[in-house]
Amino acid sequence: MDNKKVDSYIFYTSFALFIISLTQESYCTNQCGDSLAVFLVGGLGVLFEIGALTDKYLDIKTIGEVDYAIGATFSWLANPALLIAWLTYKESRTTSHVFSILSLALMLSFLMFDEVIDNEAGHYNKIVGYQAGYWLWLSSSAVLAAGALLRRRITYHNKV
């Protein structure tokens, strides 16, 4: 199989997994979240998190305390990283590789948190489960990152 076919399979598999993930439920708190809704409003969650961090660390009394609830929605930043990885996939292998690994790391980081902002009021709720949408989302980035490693290996072996 030639490199262009491998590149196409990797890219389109990653993209298809991402699109399919948007049709599924993502994670569950009091109820299971729709992946498309999480994708569309997740950026607002990042703004809530920045506000919470700012409030927390500007309050002199709480300096040094760690709040592990803060941070889960930063995993949403995997979406722009994945988009950059896709956009640079054919032109810049190194850039695509770096952003696909960054995207994968951000997606995996979501598993480290017990709570997430779950509504527009900024209330946190306990994460009680992960649904197909989360795992497909994670797989979309994993395929791209693994594909980048495969491309590097194929390129290396073709040079030797």
C-alpha atoms as a PDB file:
ATOM      1  CA  MET A   1       0.000   0.000   0.000  1.00  0.00           C
ATOM      2  CA  ASP A   2       1.429   3.381  -0.914  1.00  0.00           C
ATOM      3  CA  ASN A   3       1.885   6.294   1.474  1.00  0.00           C
ATOM      4  CA  LYS A   4      -0.929   8.385  -0.022  1.00  0.00           C
ATOM      5  CA  LYS A   5      -3.475   5.618   0.578  1.00  0.00           C
ATOM      6  CA  VAL A   6      -2.255   5.142   4.144  1.00  0.00           C
ATOM      7  CA  ASP A   7      -2.471   8.908   4.713  1.00  0.00           C
ATOM      8  CA  SER A   8      -6.015   8.991   3.320  1.00  0.00           C
ATOM      9  CA  TYR A   9      -7.186   6.040   5.443  1.00  0.00           C
ATOM     10  CA  ILE A  10      -5.734   7.570   8.594  1.00  0.00           C
ATOM     11  CA  PHE A  11      -7.128  11.041   7.965  1.00  0.00           C
ATOM     12  CA  TYR A  12     -10.632   9.956   6.934  1.00  0.00           C
ATOM     13  CA  THR A  13     -10.899   7.357   9.690  1.00  0.00           C
ATOM     14  CA  SER A  14     -10.008   9.997  12.280  1.00  0.00           C
ATOM     15  CA  PHE A  15     -12.453  12.488  10.788  1.00  0.00           C
ATOM     16  CA  ALA A  16     -15.261   9.897  10.521  1.00  0.00           C
ATOM     17  CA  LEU A  17     -14.801   8.810  14.145  1.00  0.00           C
ATOM     18  CA  PHE A  18     -15.058  12.434  15.235  1.00  0.00           C
ATOM     19  CA  ILE A  19     -18.252  13.051  13.225  1.00  0.00           C
ATOM     20  CA  ILE A  20     -19.825   9.815  14.510  1.00  0.00           C
ATOM     21  CA  SER A  21     -18.882  10.799  18.080  1.00  0.00           C
ATOM     22  CA  LEU A  22     -21.021  13.930  17.727  1.00  0.00           C
ATOM     23  CA  THR A  23     -24.117  11.743  17.225  1.00  0.00           C
ATOM     24  CA  GLN A  24     -23.646   9.909  20.536  1.00  0.00           C
ATOM     25  CA  GLU A  25     -23.891  10.705  24.223  1.00  0.00           C
ATOM     26  CA  SER A  26     -20.550  11.774  25.703  1.00  0.00           C
ATOM     27  CA  TYR A  27     -20.427  11.538  29.508  1.00  0.00           C
ATOM     28  CA  CYS A  28     -22.975  11.272  32.284  1.00  0.00           C
ATOM     29  CA  THR A  29     -23.544  13.390  35.363  1.00  0.00           C
ATOM     30  CA  ASN A  30     -27.184  13.675  36.497  1.00  0.00           C
ATOM     31  CA  GLN A  31     -28.029  12.857  32.899  1.00  0.00           C
ATOM     32  CA  CYS A  32     -25.949  11.890  29.884  1.00  0.00           C
ATOM     33  CA  GLY A  33     -24.741  14.759  27.737  1.00  0.00           C
ATOM     34  CA  ASP A  34     -25.235  15.018  24.002  1.00  0.00           C
ATOM     35  CA  SER A  35     -21.809  15.175  22.316  1.00  0.00           C
ATOM     36  CA  LEU A  36     -22.875  17.761  19.756  1.00  0.00           C
ATOM     37  CA  ALA A  37     -24.133  20.088  22.492  1.00  0.00           C
ATOM     38  CA  VAL A  38     -20.936  19.566  24.498  1.00  0.00           C
ATOM     39  CA  PHE A  39     -18.899  20.314  21.370  1.00  0.00           C
ATOM     40  CA  LEU A  40     -20.852  23.485  20.566  1.00  0.00           C
ATOM     41  CA  VAL A  41     -20.921  25.007  24.057  1.00  0.00           C
ATOM     42  CA  GLY A  42     -17.706  23.532  25.462  1.00  0.00           C
ATOM     43  CA  GLY A  43     -15.824  26.725  24.708  1.00  0.00           C
ATOM     44  CA  LEU A  44     -18.106  28.527  27.154  1.00  0.00           C
ATOM     45  CA  GLY A  45     -17.170  25.965  29.781  1.00  0.00           C
ATOM     46  CA  VAL A  46     -13.528  26.880  29.245  1.00  0.00           C
ATOM     47  CA  LEU A  47     -14.438  30.527  29.922  1.00  0.00           C
ATOM     48  CA  PHE A  48     -16.265  29.491  33.126  1.00  0.00           C
ATOM     49  CA  GLU A  49     -13.142  27.562  34.191  1.00  0.00           C
ATOM     50  CA  ILE A  50     -10.902  30.580  33.538  1.00  0.00           C
ATOM     51  CA  GLY A  51     -13.298  32.700  35.606  1.00  0.00           C
ATOM     52  CA  ALA A  52     -13.276  30.132  38.414  1.00  0.00           C
ATOM     53  CA  LEU A  53      -9.485  29.976  38.392  1.00  0.00           C
ATOM     54  CA  THR A  54      -9.244  33.757  38.414  1.00  0.00           C
ATOM     55  CA  ASP A  55     -11.666  34.054  41.340  1.00  0.00           C
ATOM     56  CA  LYS A  56      -9.924  31.274  43.246  1.00  0.00           C
ATOM     57  CA  TYR A  57      -6.399  32.598  42.880  1.00  0.00           C
ATOM     58  CA  LEU A  58      -7.236  36.255  43.373  1.00  0.00           C
ATOM     59  CA  ASP A  59      -8.752  35.398  46.756  1.00  0.00           C
ATOM     60  CA  ILE A  60      -5.807  35.628  49.171  1.00  0.00           C
ATOM     61  CA  LYS A  61      -7.465  33.269  51.688  1.00  0.00           C
ATOM     62  CA  THR A  62      -7.486  30.324  49.236  1.00  0.00           C
ATOM     63  CA  ILE A  63      -3.922  30.576  47.927  1.00  0.00           C
ATOM     64  CA  GLY A  64      -2.267  27.178  48.167  1.00  0.00           C
ATOM     65  CA  GLU A  65      -5.525  25.236  48.158  1.00  0.00           C
ATOM     66  CA  VAL A  66      -6.094  22.951  45.208  1.00  0.00           C
ATOM     67  CA  ASP A  67      -9.545  22.477  43.708  1.00  0.00           C
ATOM     68  CA  TYR A  68      -9.569  19.364  41.550  1.00  0.00           C
ATOM     69  CA  ALA A  69     -13.017  20.165  40.155  1.00  0.00           C
ATOM     70  CA  ILE A  70     -11.531  23.036  38.202  1.00  0.00           C
ATOM     71  CA  GLY A  71     -10.059  21.965  34.916  1.00  0.00           C
ATOM     72  CA  ALA A  72     -12.244  19.256  33.371  1.00  0.00           C
ATOM     73  CA  THR A  73     -13.632  21.466  30.644  1.00  0.00           C
ATOM     74  CA  PHE A  74     -10.125  22.423  29.537  1.00  0.00           C
ATOM     75  CA  SER A  75     -10.207  19.013  27.841  1.00  0.00           C
ATOM     76  CA  TRP A  76     -12.489  20.678  25.286  1.00  0.00           C
ATOM     77  CA  LEU A  77      -9.367  22.444  23.957  1.00  0.00           C
ATOM     78  CA  ALA A  78      -8.525  19.098  22.348  1.00  0.00           C
ATOM     79  CA  ASN A  79     -10.983  20.075  19.601  1.00  0.00           C
ATOM     80  CA  PRO A  80      -8.975  23.040  18.261  1.00  0.00           C
ATOM     81  CA  ALA A  81      -5.780  20.989  18.633  1.00  0.00           C
ATOM     82  CA  LEU A  82      -7.344  18.173  16.603  1.00  0.00           C
ATOM     83  CA  LEU A  83      -8.523  20.661  13.982  1.00  0.00           C
ATOM     84  CA  ILE A  84      -4.976  22.017  13.631  1.00  0.00           C
ATOM     85  CA  ALA A  85      -3.667  18.447  13.347  1.00  0.00           C
ATOM     86  CA  TRP A  86      -6.142  17.742  10.526  1.00  0.00           C
ATOM     87  CA  LEU A  87      -5.404  21.011   8.712  1.00  0.00           C
ATOM     88  CA  THR A  88      -1.650  20.421   8.796  1.00  0.00           C
ATOM     89  CA  TYR A  89      -1.801  16.665   8.166  1.00  0.00           C
ATOM     90  CA  LYS A  90      -0.565  16.724   4.586  1.00  0.00           C
ATOM     91  CA  GLU A  91       1.585  19.867   4.634  1.00  0.00           C
ATOM     92  CA  SER A  92       3.477  19.590   7.909  1.00  0.00           C
ATOM     93  CA  ARG A  93       3.862  16.144   9.375  1.00  0.00           C
ATOM     94  CA  THR A  94       5.688  17.386  12.451  1.00  0.00           C
ATOM     95  CA  THR A  95       3.054  20.011  13.285  1.00  0.00           C
ATOM     96  CA  SER A  96       0.261  17.517  12.737  1.00  0.00           C
ATOM     97  CA  HIS A  97       2.010  14.951  14.899  1.00  0.00           C
ATOM     98  CA  VAL A  98       2.562  17.405  17.761  1.00  0.00           C
ATOM     99  CA  PHE A  99      -1.050  18.634  17.693  1.00  0.00           C
ATOM    100  CA  SER A 100      -2.508  15.138  17.407  1.00  0.00           C
ATOM    101  CA  ILE A 101      -0.557  14.071  20.503  1.00  0.00           C
ATOM    102  CA  LEU A 102      -1.578  17.278  22.309  1.00  0.00           C
ATOM    103  CA  SER A 103      -5.188  16.601  21.362  1.00  0.00           C
ATOM    104  CA  LEU A 104      -4.958  13.010  22.608  1.00  0.00           C
ATOM    105  CA  ALA A 105      -3.392  14.128  25.903  1.00  0.00           C
ATOM    106  CA  LEU A 106      -6.131  16.731  26.462  1.00  0.00           C
ATOM    107  CA  MET A 107      -8.831  14.165  25.692  1.00  0.00           C
ATOM    108  CA  LEU A 108      -7.300  11.649  28.091  1.00  0.00           C
ATOM    109  CA  SER A 109      -7.014  14.332  30.779  1.00  0.00           C
ATOM    110  CA  PHE A 110     -10.816  14.380  31.023  1.00  0.00           C
ATOM    111  CA  LEU A 111     -10.611  10.968  32.719  1.00  0.00           C
ATOM    112  CA  MET A 112      -8.643  12.522  35.609  1.00  0.00           C
ATOM    113  CA  PHE A 113     -11.507  14.687  36.825  1.00  0.00           C
ATOM    114  CA  ASP A 114     -14.418  13.753  39.060  1.00  0.00           C
ATOM    115  CA  GLU A 115     -16.570  16.801  38.290  1.00  0.00           C
ATOM    116  CA  VAL A 116     -17.367  19.002  35.334  1.00  0.00           C
ATOM    117  CA  ILE A 117     -19.384  22.165  34.723  1.00  0.00           C
ATOM    118  CA  ASP A 118     -22.734  20.755  33.733  1.00  0.00           C
ATOM    119  CA  ASN A 119     -24.989  23.728  33.034  1.00  0.00           C
ATOM    120  CA  GLU A 120     -25.027  27.346  31.937  1.00  0.00           C
ATOM    121  CA  ALA A 121     -25.117  28.522  35.552  1.00  0.00           C
ATOM    122  CA  GLY A 122     -21.620  27.140  36.053  1.00  0.00           C
ATOM    123  CA  HIS A 123     -22.565  24.423  38.554  1.00  0.00           C
ATOM    124  CA  TYR A 124     -20.315  21.387  38.855  1.00  0.00           C
ATOM    125  CA  ASN A 125     -21.713  17.860  38.870  1.00  0.00           C
ATOM    126  CA  LYS A 126     -20.007  14.523  39.470  1.00  0.00           C
ATOM    127  CA  ILE A 127     -19.056  12.542  36.363  1.00  0.00           C
ATOM    128  CA  VAL A 128     -20.592   9.089  36.790  1.00  0.00           C
ATOM    129  CA  GLY A 129     -19.842   7.510  33.416  1.00  0.00           C
ATOM    130  CA  TYR A 130     -18.476   7.794  29.911  1.00  0.00           C
ATOM    131  CA  GLN A 131     -20.526   6.936  26.860  1.00  0.00           C
ATOM    132  CA  ALA A 132     -19.715   5.992  23.256  1.00  0.00           C
ATOM    133  CA  GLY A 133     -19.349   9.621  22.173  1.00  0.00           C
ATOM    134  CA  TYR A 134     -16.416  10.177  24.510  1.00  0.00           C
ATOM    135  CA  TRP A 135     -14.650   6.987  23.419  1.00  0.00           C
ATOM    136  CA  LEU A 136     -15.207   7.735  19.712  1.00  0.00           C
ATOM    137  CA  TRP A 137     -13.929  11.295  20.251  1.00  0.00           C
ATOM    138  CA  LEU A 138     -10.838   9.896  21.965  1.00  0.00           C
ATOM    139  CA  SER A 139     -10.395   7.328  19.180  1.00  0.00           C
ATOM    140  CA  SER A 140     -10.474  10.026  16.505  1.00  0.00           C
ATOM    141  CA  SER A 141      -7.388  11.619  18.009  1.00  0.00           C
ATOM    142  CA  ALA A 142      -5.722   8.291  18.827  1.00  0.00           C
ATOM    143  CA  VAL A 143      -6.037   7.173  15.198  1.00  0.00           C
ATOM    144  CA  LEU A 144      -4.457  10.402  13.986  1.00  0.00           C
ATOM    145  CA  ALA A 145      -1.610  10.216  16.537  1.00  0.00           C
ATOM    146  CA  ALA A 146      -0.954   6.529  15.773  1.00  0.00           C
ATOM    147  CA  GLY A 147      -1.143   7.319  12.069  1.00  0.00           C
ATOM    148  CA  ALA A 148       1.474  10.040  12.482  1.00  0.00           C
ATOM    149  CA  LEU A 149       3.785   7.528  14.141  1.00  0.00           C
ATOM    150  CA  LEU A 150       3.096   5.008  11.381  1.00  0.00           C
ATOM    151  CA  ARG A 151       3.873   7.628   8.720  1.00  0.00           C
ATOM    152  CA  ARG A 152       7.160   8.433  10.438  1.00  0.00           C
ATOM    153  CA  ARG A 153       8.066   4.751  10.536  1.00  0.00           C
ATOM    154  CA  ILE A 154       7.175   4.217   6.858  1.00  0.00           C
ATOM    155  CA  THR A 155       9.177   7.307   5.865  1.00  0.00           C
ATOM    156  CA  TYR A 156      12.156   6.142   7.923  1.00  0.00           C
ATOM    157  CA  HIS A 157      12.107   2.642   6.409  1.00  0.00           C
ATOM    158  CA  ASN A 158      11.797   4.038   2.884  1.00  0.00           C
ATOM    159  CA  LYS A 159      14.935   6.147   3.442  1.00  0.00           C
ATOM    160  CA  VAL A 160      16.974   3.232   4.795  1.00  0.00           C
END
